[in-house]
Amino acid sequence: MTNTQVNPVVSSSTSGTYAIDGDKVVLAFHEGANHGETFGGRWSVFRDTLTVERTTSAILPTPYLVGTWTRVR
């Protein structure tokens, strides 16, 4: 998985792997801006729209939470 963030102030990219266990996701980054960091949260899909949220036991960066992700076919 690779994530690229671009805005008027700064651009960054990071990549790594993810693991799913039921409704929980763990993101482990091996390169780039988040090298060495691991984040987790809860995910759900409804009508091709992915939503990710924080849990009390896991940290997830705000860019993953500010909106939904829509599947493009």
PDB file of N, CA and C in Angstrom:
ATOM      1  N   MET A   1       0.851  -1.156   0.000  1.00  0.00           N
ATOM      2  CA  MET A   1       0.000   0.000   0.000  1.00  0.00           C
ATOM      3  C   MET A   1       0.905   1.229   0.000  1.00  0.00           C
ATOM      4  N   THR A   2       0.518   2.234  -0.792  1.00  0.00           N
ATOM      5  CA  THR A   2       1.238   3.504  -0.826  1.00  0.00           C
ATOM      6  C   THR A   2       0.238   4.636  -0.655  1.00  0.00           C
ATOM      7  N   ASN A   3       0.592   5.605   0.162  1.00  0.00           N
ATOM      8  CA  ASN A   3      -0.262   6.761   0.414  1.00  0.00           C
ATOM      9  C   ASN A   3       0.536   8.014   0.088  1.00  0.00           C
ATOM     10  N   THR A   4      -0.032   8.863  -0.760  1.00  0.00           N
ATOM     11  CA  THR A   4       0.598  10.133  -1.110  1.00  0.00           C
ATOM     12  C   THR A   4      -0.326  11.256  -0.710  1.00  0.00           C
ATOM     13  N   GLN A   5       0.223  12.236  -0.013  1.00  0.00           N
ATOM     14  CA  GLN A   5      -0.546  13.399   0.424  1.00  0.00           C
ATOM     15  C   GLN A   5       0.037  14.640  -0.223  1.00  0.00           C
ATOM     16  N   VAL A   6      -0.819  15.414  -0.870  1.00  0.00           N
ATOM     17  CA  VAL A   6      -0.381  16.638  -1.535  1.00  0.00           C
ATOM     18  C   VAL A   6      -1.319  17.764  -1.113  1.00  0.00           C
ATOM     19  N   ASN A   7      -0.741  18.876  -0.673  1.00  0.00           N
ATOM     20  CA  ASN A   7      -1.525  20.070  -0.346  1.00  0.00           C
ATOM     21  C   ASN A   7      -0.650  21.289  -0.587  1.00  0.00           C
ATOM     22  N   PRO A   8      -1.173  22.496  -0.465  1.00  0.00           N
ATOM     23  CA  PRO A   8      -0.386  23.701  -0.765  1.00  0.00           C
ATOM     24  C   PRO A   8       0.836  23.900   0.129  1.00  0.00           C
ATOM     25  N   VAL A   9       0.880  23.246   1.292  1.00  0.00           N
ATOM     26  CA  VAL A   9       1.977  23.458   2.238  1.00  0.00           C
ATOM     27  C   VAL A   9       3.083  22.415   2.090  1.00  0.00           C
ATOM     28  N   VAL A  10       2.711  21.156   1.965  1.00  0.00           N
ATOM     29  CA  VAL A  10       3.705  20.080   1.957  1.00  0.00           C
ATOM     30  C   VAL A  10       3.166  18.866   1.195  1.00  0.00           C
ATOM     31  N   SER A  11       4.081  18.090   0.656  1.00  0.00           N
ATOM     32  CA  SER A  11       3.726  16.824   0.020  1.00  0.00           C
ATOM     33  C   SER A  11       4.549  15.720   0.672  1.00  0.00           C
ATOM     34  N   SER A  12       3.950  14.535   0.814  1.00  0.00           N
ATOM     35  CA  SER A  12       4.680  13.415   1.382  1.00  0.00           C
ATOM     36  C   SER A  12       4.129  12.112   0.835  1.00  0.00           C
ATOM     37  N   SER A  13       4.924  11.064   0.975  1.00  0.00           N
ATOM     38  CA  SER A  13       4.515   9.746   0.539  1.00  0.00           C
ATOM     39  C   SER A  13       5.031   8.728   1.539  1.00  0.00           C
ATOM     40  N   THR A  14       4.286   7.662   1.724  1.00  0.00           N
ATOM     41  CA  THR A  14       4.689   6.591   2.627  1.00  0.00           C
ATOM     42  C   THR A  14       4.128   5.281   2.103  1.00  0.00           C
ATOM     43  N   SER A  15       4.793   4.174   2.384  1.00  0.00           N
ATOM     44  CA  SER A  15       4.279   2.890   1.929  1.00  0.00           C
ATOM     45  C   SER A  15       4.594   1.795   2.931  1.00  0.00           C
ATOM     46  N   GLY A  16       3.800   0.743   2.861  1.00  0.00           N
ATOM     47  CA  GLY A  16       3.972  -0.371   3.769  1.00  0.00           C
ATOM     48  C   GLY A  16       2.949  -1.442   3.507  1.00  0.00           C
ATOM     49  N   THR A  17       2.536  -2.133   4.564  1.00  0.00           N
ATOM     50  CA  THR A  17       1.591  -3.232   4.442  1.00  0.00           C
ATOM     51  C   THR A  17       0.398  -2.992   5.347  1.00  0.00           C
ATOM     52  N   TYR A  18      -0.664  -3.748   5.099  1.00  0.00           N
ATOM     53  CA  TYR A  18      -1.817  -3.694   5.982  1.00  0.00           C
ATOM     54  C   TYR A  18      -2.295  -5.103   6.278  1.00  0.00           C
ATOM     55  N   ALA A  19      -2.953  -5.262   7.430  1.00  0.00           N
ATOM     56  CA  ALA A  19      -3.518  -6.552   7.814  1.00  0.00           C
ATOM     57  C   ALA A  19      -4.930  -6.318   8.329  1.00  0.00           C
ATOM     58  N   ILE A  20      -5.828  -7.225   7.970  1.00  0.00           N
ATOM     59  CA  ILE A  20      -7.228  -7.139   8.371  1.00  0.00           C
ATOM     60  C   ILE A  20      -7.539  -8.299   9.309  1.00  0.00           C
ATOM     61  N   ASP A  21      -8.227  -8.014  10.404  1.00  0.00           N
ATOM     62  CA  ASP A  21      -8.720  -9.044  11.316  1.00  0.00           C
ATOM     63  C   ASP A  21     -10.139  -8.650  11.704  1.00  0.00           C
ATOM     64  N   GLY A  22     -11.115  -9.222  11.003  1.00  0.00           N
ATOM     65  CA  GLY A  22     -12.511  -8.834  11.233  1.00  0.00           C
ATOM     66  C   GLY A  22     -12.720  -7.400  10.799  1.00  0.00           C
ATOM     67  N   ASP A  23     -13.172  -6.537  11.719  1.00  0.00           N
ATOM     68  CA  ASP A  23     -13.386  -5.122  11.381  1.00  0.00           C
ATOM     69  C   ASP A  23     -12.217  -4.238  11.805  1.00  0.00           C
ATOM     70  N   LYS A  24     -11.076  -4.845  12.125  1.00  0.00           N
ATOM     71  CA  LYS A  24      -9.898  -4.078  12.535  1.00  0.00           C
ATOM     72  C   LYS A  24      -8.855  -4.110  11.435  1.00  0.00           C
ATOM     73  N   VAL A  25      -8.157  -2.996  11.255  1.00  0.00           N
ATOM     74  CA  VAL A  25      -7.092  -2.894  10.266  1.00  0.00           C
ATOM     75  C   VAL A  25      -5.838  -2.375  10.966  1.00  0.00           C
ATOM     76  N   VAL A  26      -4.684  -2.922  10.577  1.00  0.00           N
ATOM     77  CA  VAL A  26      -3.390  -2.457  11.082  1.00  0.00           C
ATOM     78  C   VAL A  26      -2.551  -2.062   9.880  1.00  0.00           C
ATOM     79  N   LEU A  27      -2.023  -0.842   9.898  1.00  0.00           N
ATOM     80  CA  LEU A  27      -1.167  -0.311   8.836  1.00  0.00           C
ATOM     81  C   LEU A  27       0.254  -0.238   9.379  1.00  0.00           C
ATOM     82  N   ALA A  28       1.198  -0.920   8.727  1.00  0.00           N
ATOM     83  CA  ALA A  28       2.605  -0.910   9.135  1.00  0.00           C
ATOM     84  C   ALA A  28       3.422  -0.294   8.004  1.00  0.00           C
ATOM     85  N   PHE A  29       4.064   0.835   8.272  1.00  0.00           N
ATOM     86  CA  PHE A  29       4.790   1.569   7.238  1.00  0.00           C
ATOM     87  C   PHE A  29       6.277   1.249   7.270  1.00  0.00           C
ATOM     88  N   HIS A  30       6.833   0.958   6.075  1.00  0.00           N
ATOM     89  CA  HIS A  30       8.222   0.536   5.956  1.00  0.00           C
ATOM     90  C   HIS A  30       9.093   1.540   5.207  1.00  0.00           C
ATOM     91  N   GLU A  31       8.478   2.512   4.528  1.00  0.00           N
ATOM     92  CA  GLU A  31       9.232   3.505   3.753  1.00  0.00           C
ATOM     93  C   GLU A  31       8.542   4.863   3.837  1.00  0.00           C
ATOM     94  N   GLY A  32       9.306   5.911   3.646  1.00  0.00           N
ATOM     95  CA  GLY A  32       8.733   7.250   3.510  1.00  0.00           C
ATOM     96  C   GLY A  32       8.462   7.960   4.823  1.00  0.00           C
ATOM     97  N   ALA A  33       7.485   8.856   4.777  1.00  0.00           N
ATOM     98  CA  ALA A  33       7.196   9.782   5.874  1.00  0.00           C
ATOM     99  C   ALA A  33       6.848   9.094   7.188  1.00  0.00           C
ATOM    100  N   ASN A  34       6.230   7.930   7.147  1.00  0.00           N
ATOM    101  CA  ASN A  34       5.834   7.223   8.369  1.00  0.00           C
ATOM    102  C   ASN A  34       6.681   5.978   8.621  1.00  0.00           C
ATOM    103  N   HIS A  35       7.887   5.928   8.068  1.00  0.00           N
ATOM    104  CA  HIS A  35       8.775   4.771   8.210  1.00  0.00           C
ATOM    105  C   HIS A  35       8.866   4.327   9.676  1.00  0.00           C
ATOM    106  N   GLY A  36       8.607   3.039   9.907  1.00  0.00           N
ATOM    107  CA  GLY A  36       8.730   2.476  11.250  1.00  0.00           C
ATOM    108  C   GLY A  36       7.500   2.622  12.123  1.00  0.00           C
ATOM    109  N   GLU A  37       6.466   3.280  11.643  1.00  0.00           N
ATOM    110  CA  GLU A  37       5.264   3.488  12.458  1.00  0.00           C
ATOM    111  C   GLU A  37       4.185   2.460  12.116  1.00  0.00           C
ATOM    112  N   THR A  38       3.368   2.142  13.116  1.00  0.00           N
ATOM    113  CA  THR A  38       2.240   1.231  12.951  1.00  0.00           C
ATOM    114  C   THR A  38       0.997   1.901  13.509  1.00  0.00           C
ATOM    115  N   PHE A  39      -0.088   1.874  12.736  1.00  0.00           N
ATOM    116  CA  PHE A  39      -1.351   2.478  13.133  1.00  0.00           C
ATOM    117  C   PHE A  39      -2.469   1.457  12.987  1.00  0.00           C
ATOM    118  N   GLY A  40      -3.552   1.675  13.684  1.00  0.00           N
ATOM    119  CA  GLY A  40      -4.677   0.763  13.569  1.00  0.00           C
ATOM    120  C   GLY A  40      -5.996   1.474  13.767  1.00  0.00           C
ATOM    121  N   GLY A  41      -7.070   0.797  13.381  1.00  0.00           N
ATOM    122  CA  GLY A  41      -8.405   1.358  13.535  1.00  0.00           C
ATOM    123  C   GLY A  41      -9.459   0.341  13.154  1.00  0.00           C
ATOM    124  N   ARG A  42     -10.671   0.794  13.034  1.00  0.00           N
ATOM    125  CA  ARG A  42     -11.803  -0.052  12.638  1.00  0.00           C
ATOM    126  C   ARG A  42     -12.276   0.407  11.272  1.00  0.00           C
ATOM    127  N   TRP A  43     -12.672  -0.532  10.414  1.00  0.00           N
ATOM    128  CA  TRP A  43     -13.121  -0.196   9.068  1.00  0.00           C
ATOM    129  C   TRP A  43     -14.483  -0.832   8.800  1.00  0.00           C
ATOM    130  N   SER A  44     -15.208  -0.232   7.846  1.00  0.00           N
ATOM    131  CA  SER A  44     -16.463  -0.804   7.372  1.00  0.00           C
ATOM    132  C   SER A  44     -16.687  -0.357   5.934  1.00  0.00           C
ATOM    133  N   VAL A  45     -17.434  -1.176   5.172  1.00  0.00           N
ATOM    134  CA  VAL A  45     -17.763  -0.859   3.787  1.00  0.00           C
ATOM    135  C   VAL A  45     -19.271  -0.927   3.625  1.00  0.00           C
ATOM    136  N   PHE A  46     -19.828   0.101   2.980  1.00  0.00           N
ATOM    137  CA  PHE A  46     -21.249   0.133   2.651  1.00  0.00           C
ATOM    138  C   PHE A  46     -21.378   0.700   1.250  1.00  0.00           C
ATOM    139  N   ARG A  47     -21.934  -0.090   0.344  1.00  0.00           N
ATOM    140  CA  ARG A  47     -22.137   0.335  -1.050  1.00  0.00           C
ATOM    141  C   ARG A  47     -20.875   0.923  -1.683  1.00  0.00           C
ATOM    142  N   ASP A  48     -19.797   0.176  -1.646  1.00  0.00           N
ATOM    143  CA  ASP A  48     -18.509   0.575  -2.240  1.00  0.00           C
ATOM    144  C   ASP A  48     -17.846   1.768  -1.568  1.00  0.00           C
ATOM    145  N   THR A  49     -18.286   2.144  -0.372  1.00  0.00           N
ATOM    146  CA  THR A  49     -17.663   3.252   0.347  1.00  0.00           C
ATOM    147  C   THR A  49     -17.005   2.732   1.620  1.00  0.00           C
ATOM    148  N   LEU A  50     -15.700   2.953   1.735  1.00  0.00           N
ATOM    149  CA  LEU A  50     -14.921   2.535   2.889  1.00  0.00           C
ATOM    150  C   LEU A  50     -14.867   3.680   3.895  1.00  0.00           C
ATOM    151  N   THR A  51     -15.154   3.363   5.145  1.00  0.00           N
ATOM    152  CA  THR A  51     -15.033   4.320   6.230  1.00  0.00           C
ATOM    153  C   THR A  51     -14.091   3.737   7.275  1.00  0.00           C
ATOM    154  N   VAL A  52     -13.185   4.554   7.790  1.00  0.00           N
ATOM    155  CA  VAL A  52     -12.222   4.126   8.800  1.00  0.00           C
ATOM    156  C   VAL A  52     -12.397   5.010  10.024  1.00  0.00           C
ATOM    157  N   GLU A  53     -12.308   4.410  11.213  1.00  0.00           N
ATOM    158  CA  GLU A  53     -12.457   5.200  12.443  1.00  0.00           C
ATOM    159  C   GLU A  53     -11.444   4.755  13.489  1.00  0.00           C
ATOM    160  N   ARG A  54     -11.160   5.655  14.407  1.00  0.00           N
ATOM    161  CA  ARG A  54     -10.268   5.350  15.520  1.00  0.00           C
ATOM    162  C   ARG A  54     -10.976   4.457  16.525  1.00  0.00           C
ATOM    163  N   THR A  55     -10.176   3.719  17.272  1.00  0.00           N
ATOM    164  CA  THR A  55     -10.685   2.946  18.400  1.00  0.00           C
ATOM    165  C   THR A  55      -9.951   3.415  19.648  1.00  0.00           C
ATOM    166  N   THR A  56     -10.429   3.013  20.793  1.00  0.00           N
ATOM    167  CA  THR A  56      -9.770   3.426  22.039  1.00  0.00           C
ATOM    168  C   THR A  56      -8.413   2.760  22.215  1.00  0.00           C
ATOM    169  N   SER A  57      -8.175   1.645  21.521  1.00  0.00           N
ATOM    170  CA  SER A  57      -6.915   0.925  21.704  1.00  0.00           C
ATOM    171  C   SER A  57      -5.913   1.133  20.568  1.00  0.00           C
ATOM    172  N   ALA A  58      -6.244   1.944  19.570  1.00  0.00           N
ATOM    173  CA  ALA A  58      -5.340   2.119  18.430  1.00  0.00           C
ATOM    174  C   ALA A  58      -5.322   3.569  17.958  1.00  0.00           C
ATOM    175  N   ILE A  59      -4.184   3.977  17.433  1.00  0.00           N
ATOM    176  CA  ILE A  59      -4.007   5.332  16.908  1.00  0.00           C
ATOM    177  C   ILE A  59      -4.104   5.271  15.386  1.00  0.00           C
ATOM    178  N   LEU A  60      -4.811   6.219  14.802  1.00  0.00           N
ATOM    179  CA  LEU A  60      -4.922   6.312  13.347  1.00  0.00           C
ATOM    180  C   LEU A  60      -4.808   7.787  12.965  1.00  0.00           C
ATOM    181  N   PRO A  61      -3.897   8.152  12.052  1.00  0.00           N
ATOM    182  CA  PRO A  61      -3.711   9.549  11.663  1.00  0.00           C
ATOM    183  C   PRO A  61      -4.971  10.163  11.048  1.00  0.00           C
ATOM    184  N   THR A  62      -5.157  11.434  11.283  1.00  0.00           N
ATOM    185  CA  THR A  62      -6.339  12.161  10.824  1.00  0.00           C
ATOM    186  C   THR A  62      -6.591  12.062   9.320  1.00  0.00           C
ATOM    187  N   PRO A  63      -5.572  12.082   8.427  1.00  0.00           N
ATOM    188  CA  PRO A  63      -5.882  11.993   6.995  1.00  0.00           C
ATOM    189  C   PRO A  63      -6.706  10.768   6.601  1.00  0.00           C
ATOM    190  N   TYR A  64      -6.624   9.687   7.377  1.00  0.00           N
ATOM    191  CA  TYR A  64      -7.422   8.497   7.070  1.00  0.00           C
ATOM    192  C   TYR A  64      -8.873   8.651   7.517  1.00  0.00           C
ATOM    193  N   LEU A  65      -9.154   9.672   8.306  1.00  0.00           N
ATOM    194  CA  LEU A  65     -10.467   9.827   8.932  1.00  0.00           C
ATOM    195  C   LEU A  65     -11.306  10.964   8.379  1.00  0.00           C
ATOM    196  N   VAL A  66     -10.732  11.882   7.633  1.00  0.00           N
ATOM    197  CA  VAL A  66     -11.430  13.109   7.243  1.00  0.00           C
ATOM    198  C   VAL A  66     -12.525  12.915   6.206  1.00  0.00           C
ATOM    199  N   GLY A  67     -12.592  11.750   5.614  1.00  0.00           N
ATOM    200  CA  GLY A  67     -13.641  11.495   4.629  1.00  0.00           C
ATOM    201  C   GLY A  67     -13.766  10.015   4.377  1.00  0.00           C
ATOM    202  N   THR A  68     -14.591   9.685   3.424  1.00  0.00           N
ATOM    203  CA  THR A  68     -14.753   8.287   3.045  1.00  0.00           C
ATOM    204  C   THR A  68     -13.927   8.002   1.800  1.00  0.00           C
ATOM    205  N   TRP A  69     -13.717   6.745   1.525  1.00  0.00           N
ATOM    206  CA  TRP A  69     -12.956   6.291   0.368  1.00  0.00           C
ATOM    207  C   TRP A  69     -13.932   5.524  -0.525  1.00  0.00           C
ATOM    208  N   THR A  70     -14.066   5.913  -1.771  1.00  0.00           N
ATOM    209  CA  THR A  70     -15.019   5.270  -2.679  1.00  0.00           C
ATOM    210  C   THR A  70     -14.283   4.373  -3.670  1.00  0.00           C
ATOM    211  N   ARG A  71     -14.772   3.149  -3.820  1.00  0.00           N
ATOM    212  CA  ARG A  71     -14.185   2.215  -4.768  1.00  0.00           C
ATOM    213  C   ARG A  71     -14.458   2.685  -6.188  1.00  0.00           C
ATOM    214  N   VAL A  72     -13.430   2.698  -7.008  1.00  0.00           N
ATOM    215  CA  VAL A  72     -13.562   3.052  -8.420  1.00  0.00           C
ATOM    216  C   VAL A  72     -13.363   1.783  -9.221  1.00  0.00           C
ATOM    217  N   ARG A  73     -14.346   1.472 -10.045  1.00  0.00           N
ATOM    218  CA  ARG A  73     -14.270   0.233 -10.853  1.00  0.00           C
ATOM    219  C   ARG A  73     -13.977   0.533 -12.286  1.00  0.00           C
TER     220      ARG A  73
END
